C-alpha atoms as a PDB file:
ATOM      1  CA  THR A   1     -12.426 -19.374 -14.988  1.00  0.00           C
ATOM      2  CA  ALA A   2      -9.473 -20.901 -13.191  1.00  0.00           C
ATOM      3  CA  GLU A   3      -9.379 -22.932  -9.995  1.00  0.00           C
ATOM      4  CA  LEU A   4      -7.025 -21.203  -7.517  1.00  0.00           C
ATOM      5  CA  SER A   5      -5.447 -23.142  -4.667  1.00  0.00           C
ATOM      6  CA  LYS A   6      -7.086 -22.458  -1.303  1.00  0.00           C
ATOM      7  CA  ASP A   7      -3.718 -22.932   0.453  1.00  0.00           C
ATOM      8  CA  VAL A   8      -2.273 -19.894  -1.330  1.00  0.00           C
ATOM      9  CA  PHE A   9      -5.107 -17.640  -2.505  1.00  0.00           C
ATOM     10  CA  ALA A  10      -7.659 -18.019   0.293  1.00  0.00           C
ATOM     11  CA  ILE A  11      -5.716 -17.637   3.541  1.00  0.00           C
ATOM     12  CA  GLU A  12      -6.258 -14.943   6.160  1.00  0.00           C
ATOM     13  CA  PRO A  13      -3.751 -12.230   5.090  1.00  0.00           C
ATOM     14  CA  ASN A  14      -1.065 -11.336   7.597  1.00  0.00           C
ATOM     15  CA  ASP A  15      -0.369  -7.615   7.116  1.00  0.00           C
ATOM     16  CA  HIS A  16       2.642  -7.555   9.421  1.00  0.00           C
ATOM     17  CA  ALA A  17       4.374 -10.352   7.496  1.00  0.00           C
ATOM     18  CA  VAL A  18       3.817  -8.423   4.256  1.00  0.00           C
ATOM     19  CA  TYR A  19       5.197  -5.265   5.905  1.00  0.00           C
ATOM     20  CA  LEU A  20       8.335  -7.043   7.128  1.00  0.00           C
ATOM     21  CA  ASP A  21       9.016  -8.688   3.765  1.00  0.00           C
ATOM     22  CA  VAL A  22       8.607  -5.405   1.856  1.00  0.00           C
ATOM     23  CA  LYS A  23      10.795  -3.649   4.424  1.00  0.00           C
ATOM     24  CA  GLN A  24      13.506  -6.283   3.946  1.00  0.00           C
ATOM     25  CA  TYR A  25      13.275  -6.027   0.141  1.00  0.00           C
ATOM     26  CA  LEU A  26      13.701  -2.234   0.230  1.00  0.00           C
ATOM     27  CA  ALA A  27      16.490  -2.413   2.833  1.00  0.00           C
ATOM     28  CA  ASN A  28      18.401  -4.879   0.657  1.00  0.00           C
ATOM     29  CA  GLN A  29      18.174  -2.417  -2.254  1.00  0.00           C
ATOM     30  CA  ARG A  30      20.084   0.235  -0.280  1.00  0.00           C
ATOM     31  CA  GLN A  31      23.726   0.550  -1.271  1.00  0.00           C
ATOM     32  CA  GLY A  32      24.963   1.861   2.080  1.00  0.00           C
ATOM     33  CA  THR A  33      28.159   3.501   0.775  1.00  0.00           C
ATOM     34  CA  HIS A  34      27.492   6.946   2.259  1.00  0.00           C
ATOM     35  CA  LYS A  35      30.520   8.438   3.991  1.00  0.00           C
ATOM     36  CA  SER A  36      31.776  11.806   5.194  1.00  0.00           C
ATOM     37  CA  LYS A  37      35.227  12.671   6.501  1.00  0.00           C
ATOM     38  CA  GLU A  38      35.723  12.846  10.238  1.00  0.00           C
ATOM     39  CA  ARG A  39      38.386  14.847  12.048  1.00  0.00           C
ATOM     40  CA  SER A  40      41.019  12.110  11.771  1.00  0.00           C
ATOM     41  CA  GLU A  41      40.638  11.981   7.980  1.00  0.00           C
ATOM     42  CA  ILE A  42      40.875  15.728   7.249  1.00  0.00           C
ATOM     43  CA  ALA A  43      44.148  17.022   5.781  1.00  0.00           C
ATOM     44  CA  GLY A  44      45.593  19.596   8.147  1.00  0.00           C
ATOM     45  CA  SER A  45      48.120  20.307  10.837  1.00  0.00           C
ATOM     46  CA  THR A  46      48.074  18.704  14.263  1.00  0.00           C
ATOM     47  CA  ARG A  47      49.474  21.721  16.098  1.00  0.00           C
ATOM     48  CA  LYS A  48      47.511  23.410  18.853  1.00  0.00           C
ATOM     49  CA  ILE A  49      45.930  26.438  17.181  1.00  0.00           C
ATOM     50  CA  LYS A  50      45.979  28.772  20.194  1.00  0.00           C
ATOM     51  CA  LYS A  51      47.095  28.725  23.772  1.00  0.00           C
ATOM     52  CA  GLN A  52      45.007  26.899  26.350  1.00  0.00           C
ATOM     53  CA  LYS A  53      44.242  29.840  28.665  1.00  0.00           C
ATOM     54  CA  GLY A  54      43.965  33.588  28.569  1.00  0.00           C
ATOM     55  CA  THR A  55      42.223  34.165  25.217  1.00  0.00           C
ATOM     56  CA  GLY A  56      38.669  34.483  26.587  1.00  0.00           C
ATOM     57  CA  THR A  57      37.309  31.899  24.171  1.00  0.00           C
ATOM     58  CA  ALA A  58      36.825  28.168  24.443  1.00  0.00           C
ATOM     59  CA  ARG A  59      39.892  25.962  24.415  1.00  0.00           C
ATOM     60  CA  ALA A  60      40.724  24.504  21.041  1.00  0.00           C
ATOM     61  CA  GLY A  61      43.332  21.920  20.165  1.00  0.00           C
ATOM     62  CA  SER A  62      42.837  21.117  16.495  1.00  0.00           C
ATOM     63  CA  ILE A  63      41.793  23.012  13.369  1.00  0.00           C
ATOM     64  CA  LYS A  64      40.290  19.700  12.133  1.00  0.00           C
ATOM     65  CA  SER A  65      37.596  19.781  14.827  1.00  0.00           C
ATOM     66  CA  GLY A  66      33.999  19.739  13.630  1.00  0.00           C
ATOM     67  CA  VAL A  67      33.210  23.145  15.150  1.00  0.00           C
ATOM     68  CA  PHE A  68      35.590  24.908  12.731  1.00  0.00           C
ATOM     69  CA  LYS A  69      35.019  25.677   9.059  1.00  0.00           C
ATOM     70  CA  GLY A  70      36.817  23.037   6.999  1.00  0.00           C
ATOM     71  CA  GLY A  71      36.861  20.613   9.900  1.00  0.00           C
ATOM     72  CA  GLY A  72      35.556  17.066  10.006  1.00  0.00           C
ATOM     73  CA  ARG A  73      31.894  16.110  10.264  1.00  0.00           C
ATOM     74  CA  MET A  74      30.771  15.149  13.760  1.00  0.00           C
ATOM     75  CA  PHE A  75      28.835  11.864  13.847  1.00  0.00           C
ATOM     76  CA  GLY A  76      28.614  11.724  10.053  1.00  0.00           C
ATOM     77  CA  PRO A  77      27.289   8.809   7.994  1.00  0.00           C
ATOM     78  CA  ARG A  78      29.373   5.645   7.838  1.00  0.00           C
ATOM     79  CA  PRO A  79      29.251   2.794   5.315  1.00  0.00           C
ATOM     80  CA  ARG A  80      27.049  -0.006   6.550  1.00  0.00           C
ATOM     81  CA  ASN A  81      24.905  -2.899   5.436  1.00  0.00           C
ATOM     82  CA  TYR A  82      21.150  -2.335   5.876  1.00  0.00           C
ATOM     83  CA  SER A  83      20.049  -5.900   5.156  1.00  0.00           C
ATOM     84  CA  PHE A  84      18.439  -8.075   7.808  1.00  0.00           C
ATOM     85  CA  LYS A  85      17.267 -11.681   7.966  1.00  0.00           C
ATOM     86  CA  LEU A  86      13.730 -13.012   7.861  1.00  0.00           C
ATOM     87  CA  ASN A  87      12.716 -16.625   8.338  1.00  0.00           C
ATOM     88  CA  LYS A  88      11.687 -18.667   5.298  1.00  0.00           C
ATOM     89  CA  ASN A  89       8.263 -19.427   6.731  1.00  0.00           C
ATOM     90  CA  LEU A  90       7.572 -15.730   7.350  1.00  0.00           C
ATOM     91  CA  LYS A  91       8.584 -14.854   3.772  1.00  0.00           C
ATOM     92  CA  ARG A  92       6.372 -17.680   2.471  1.00  0.00           C
ATOM     93  CA  LEU A  93       3.454 -16.400   4.582  1.00  0.00           C
ATOM     94  CA  ALA A  94       4.017 -12.859   3.264  1.00  0.00           C
ATOM     95  CA  ARG A  95       3.916 -14.021  -0.372  1.00  0.00           C
ATOM     96  CA  LYS A  96       0.762 -16.060   0.255  1.00  0.00           C
ATOM     97  CA  SER A  97      -0.827 -13.094   2.042  1.00  0.00           C
ATOM     98  CA  ALA A  98      -0.037 -10.747  -0.844  1.00  0.00           C
ATOM     99  CA  LEU A  99      -1.528 -13.188  -3.354  1.00  0.00           C
ATOM    100  CA  SER A 100      -4.608 -13.642  -1.150  1.00  0.00           C
ATOM    101  CA  ILE A 101      -5.093  -9.875  -0.946  1.00  0.00           C
ATOM    102  CA  LYS A 102      -4.906  -9.605  -4.742  1.00  0.00           C
ATOM    103  CA  ALA A 103      -7.334 -12.518  -5.142  1.00  0.00           C
ATOM    104  CA  ASN A 104      -9.821 -10.898  -2.729  1.00  0.00           C
ATOM    105  CA  GLU A 105      -9.629  -7.671  -4.748  1.00  0.00           C
ATOM    106  CA  LYS A 106     -10.266  -9.663  -7.956  1.00  0.00           C
ATOM    107  CA  ALA A 107      -6.992  -8.255  -9.321  1.00  0.00           C
ATOM    108  CA  ILE A 108      -5.664 -11.540 -10.746  1.00  0.00           C
ATOM    109  CA  THR A 109      -6.283 -12.570 -14.344  1.00  0.00           C
ATOM    110  CA  VAL A 110      -5.072 -15.946 -15.641  1.00  0.00           C
ATOM    111  CA  LEU A 111      -4.046 -16.230 -19.305  1.00  0.00           C
ATOM    112  CA  GLU A 112      -3.444 -19.537 -21.047  1.00  0.00           C
ATOM    113  CA  ASP A 113      -0.664 -20.064 -23.646  1.00  0.00           C
ATOM    114  CA  PHE A 114       0.685 -16.520 -23.548  1.00  0.00           C
ATOM    115  CA  ASN A 115       3.311 -16.357 -26.316  1.00  0.00           C
ATOM    116  CA  PHE A 116       4.329 -14.203 -29.287  1.00  0.00           C
ATOM    117  CA  GLU A 117       5.839 -15.240 -32.638  1.00  0.00           C
ATOM    118  CA  ALA A 118       8.286 -12.314 -32.595  1.00  0.00           C
ATOM    119  CA  PRO A 119       9.159  -9.610 -30.053  1.00  0.00           C
ATOM    120  CA  LYS A 120       6.827  -6.733 -30.982  1.00  0.00           C
ATOM    121  CA  THR A 121       5.588  -4.084 -28.548  1.00  0.00           C
ATOM    122  CA  LYS A 122       2.528  -3.609 -30.754  1.00  0.00           C
ATOM    123  CA  ASN A 123       1.368  -7.159 -29.929  1.00  0.00           C
ATOM    124  CA  PHE A 124       1.837  -6.597 -26.210  1.00  0.00           C
ATOM    125  CA  THR A 125      -0.101  -3.315 -26.253  1.00  0.00           C
ATOM    126  CA  ALA A 126      -2.921  -5.139 -28.067  1.00  0.00           C
ATOM    127  CA  VAL A 127      -3.043  -7.676 -25.211  1.00  0.00           C
ATOM    128  CA  LEU A 128      -3.094  -4.826 -22.662  1.00  0.00           C
ATOM    129  CA  LYS A 129      -5.919  -3.137 -24.546  1.00  0.00           C
ATOM    130  CA  ALA A 130      -7.907  -6.400 -24.708  1.00  0.00           C
ATOM    131  CA  LEU A 131      -7.539  -6.774 -20.922  1.00  0.00           C
ATOM    132  CA  SER A 132      -8.278  -3.021 -20.449  1.00  0.00           C
ATOM    133  CA  LEU A 133      -4.935  -2.487 -18.697  1.00  0.00           C
ATOM    134  CA  GLU A 134      -3.402   0.095 -21.060  1.00  0.00           C
ATOM    135  CA  ASN A 135      -3.400   2.946 -18.503  1.00  0.00           C
ATOM    136  CA  LYS A 136      -2.816   0.810 -15.411  1.00  0.00           C
ATOM    137  CA  LYS A 137       0.211  -0.812 -13.835  1.00  0.00           C
ATOM    138  CA  SER A 138       0.397  -4.503 -14.640  1.00  0.00           C
ATOM    139  CA  LEU A 139       2.601  -7.435 -13.693  1.00  0.00           C
ATOM    140  CA  PHE A 140       2.765 -10.516 -15.907  1.00  0.00           C
ATOM    141  CA  VAL A 141       4.109 -13.633 -14.193  1.00  0.00           C
ATOM    142  CA  LEU A 142       5.211 -16.329 -16.632  1.00  0.00           C
ATOM    143  CA  GLY A 143       5.731 -19.994 -15.797  1.00  0.00           C
ATOM    144  CA  GLY A 144       9.131 -20.066 -17.517  1.00  0.00           C
ATOM    145  CA  SER A 145      11.357 -17.651 -19.371  1.00  0.00           C
ATOM    146  CA  ASN A 146       9.819 -16.352 -22.589  1.00  0.00           C
ATOM    147  CA  ASN A 147      12.135 -13.971 -24.389  1.00  0.00           C
ATOM    148  CA  ASN A 148       9.591 -12.734 -26.969  1.00  0.00           C
ATOM    149  CA  VAL A 149       7.066 -11.650 -24.327  1.00  0.00           C
ATOM    150  CA  TYR A 150       9.771 -10.018 -22.196  1.00  0.00           C
ATOM    151  CA  LEU A 151      11.276  -8.092 -25.125  1.00  0.00           C
ATOM    152  CA  SER A 152       7.804  -6.990 -26.259  1.00  0.00           C
ATOM    153  CA  SER A 153       6.990  -5.484 -22.866  1.00  0.00           C
ATOM    154  CA  ARG A 154      10.194  -3.894 -21.648  1.00  0.00           C
ATOM    155  CA  ASN A 155       9.662  -0.651 -23.587  1.00  0.00           C
ATOM    156  CA  LEU A 156       6.339   0.010 -21.848  1.00  0.00           C
ATOM    157  CA  LYS A 157       6.368   2.053 -18.664  1.00  0.00           C
ATOM    158  CA  GLY A 158       3.531   0.604 -16.600  1.00  0.00           C
ATOM    159  CA  SER A 159       3.950  -3.111 -17.264  1.00  0.00           C
ATOM    160  CA  GLU A 160       6.519  -5.624 -16.116  1.00  0.00           C
ATOM    161  CA  VAL A 161       7.089  -9.242 -17.122  1.00  0.00           C
ATOM    162  CA  ILE A 162       8.825 -11.640 -14.724  1.00  0.00           C
ATOM    163  CA  THR A 163       9.102 -15.378 -14.245  1.00  0.00           C
ATOM    164  CA  ASN A 164       7.524 -17.134 -11.276  1.00  0.00           C
ATOM    165  CA  SER A 165      10.940 -17.536  -9.581  1.00  0.00           C
ATOM    166  CA  GLU A 166      11.385 -13.723  -9.561  1.00  0.00           C
ATOM    167  CA  LEU A 167       8.050 -13.085  -7.870  1.00  0.00           C
ATOM    168  CA  SER A 168       8.306 -11.338  -4.514  1.00  0.00           C
ATOM    169  CA  THR A 169       5.925  -9.730  -2.059  1.00  0.00           C
ATOM    170  CA  TYR A 170       7.035  -6.252  -3.180  1.00  0.00           C
ATOM    171  CA  LYS A 171       6.270  -6.809  -6.856  1.00  0.00           C
END
């Protein structure tokens, strides 16, 4: 058994803080380079395509208008940045809330001296089998960087190994 800090693992979880932090994480992953051509960017003539009056149809000034085939896209997507700012204290509260939720669900297992002699996936799958996690998603958080453990796990689909500095509310 391990003694978990009450300041981190036994607080009242704040669901809205967790929601905002996950929303920010996913928004920051968006590339935001979507773009379609508008009428000013279409290659084409600028002449008036038909006379203003007397044709019985609506007036039209440009073949590049969005109502015509081959014209520009009206109100199309534009490149933009989706990221937004959250306060440090809110992000800290969200991480603590996520860890508290996992602790309440008894979903945290603490391993001592987790290291491999050489990077072998076989060793890592043996650890997963011993913890009965072979068919479940698992996240291993290491205190520092450990190349052998990371290389042993990266070929497996459901498990991920990160260091404590990479830990986020989303993971």
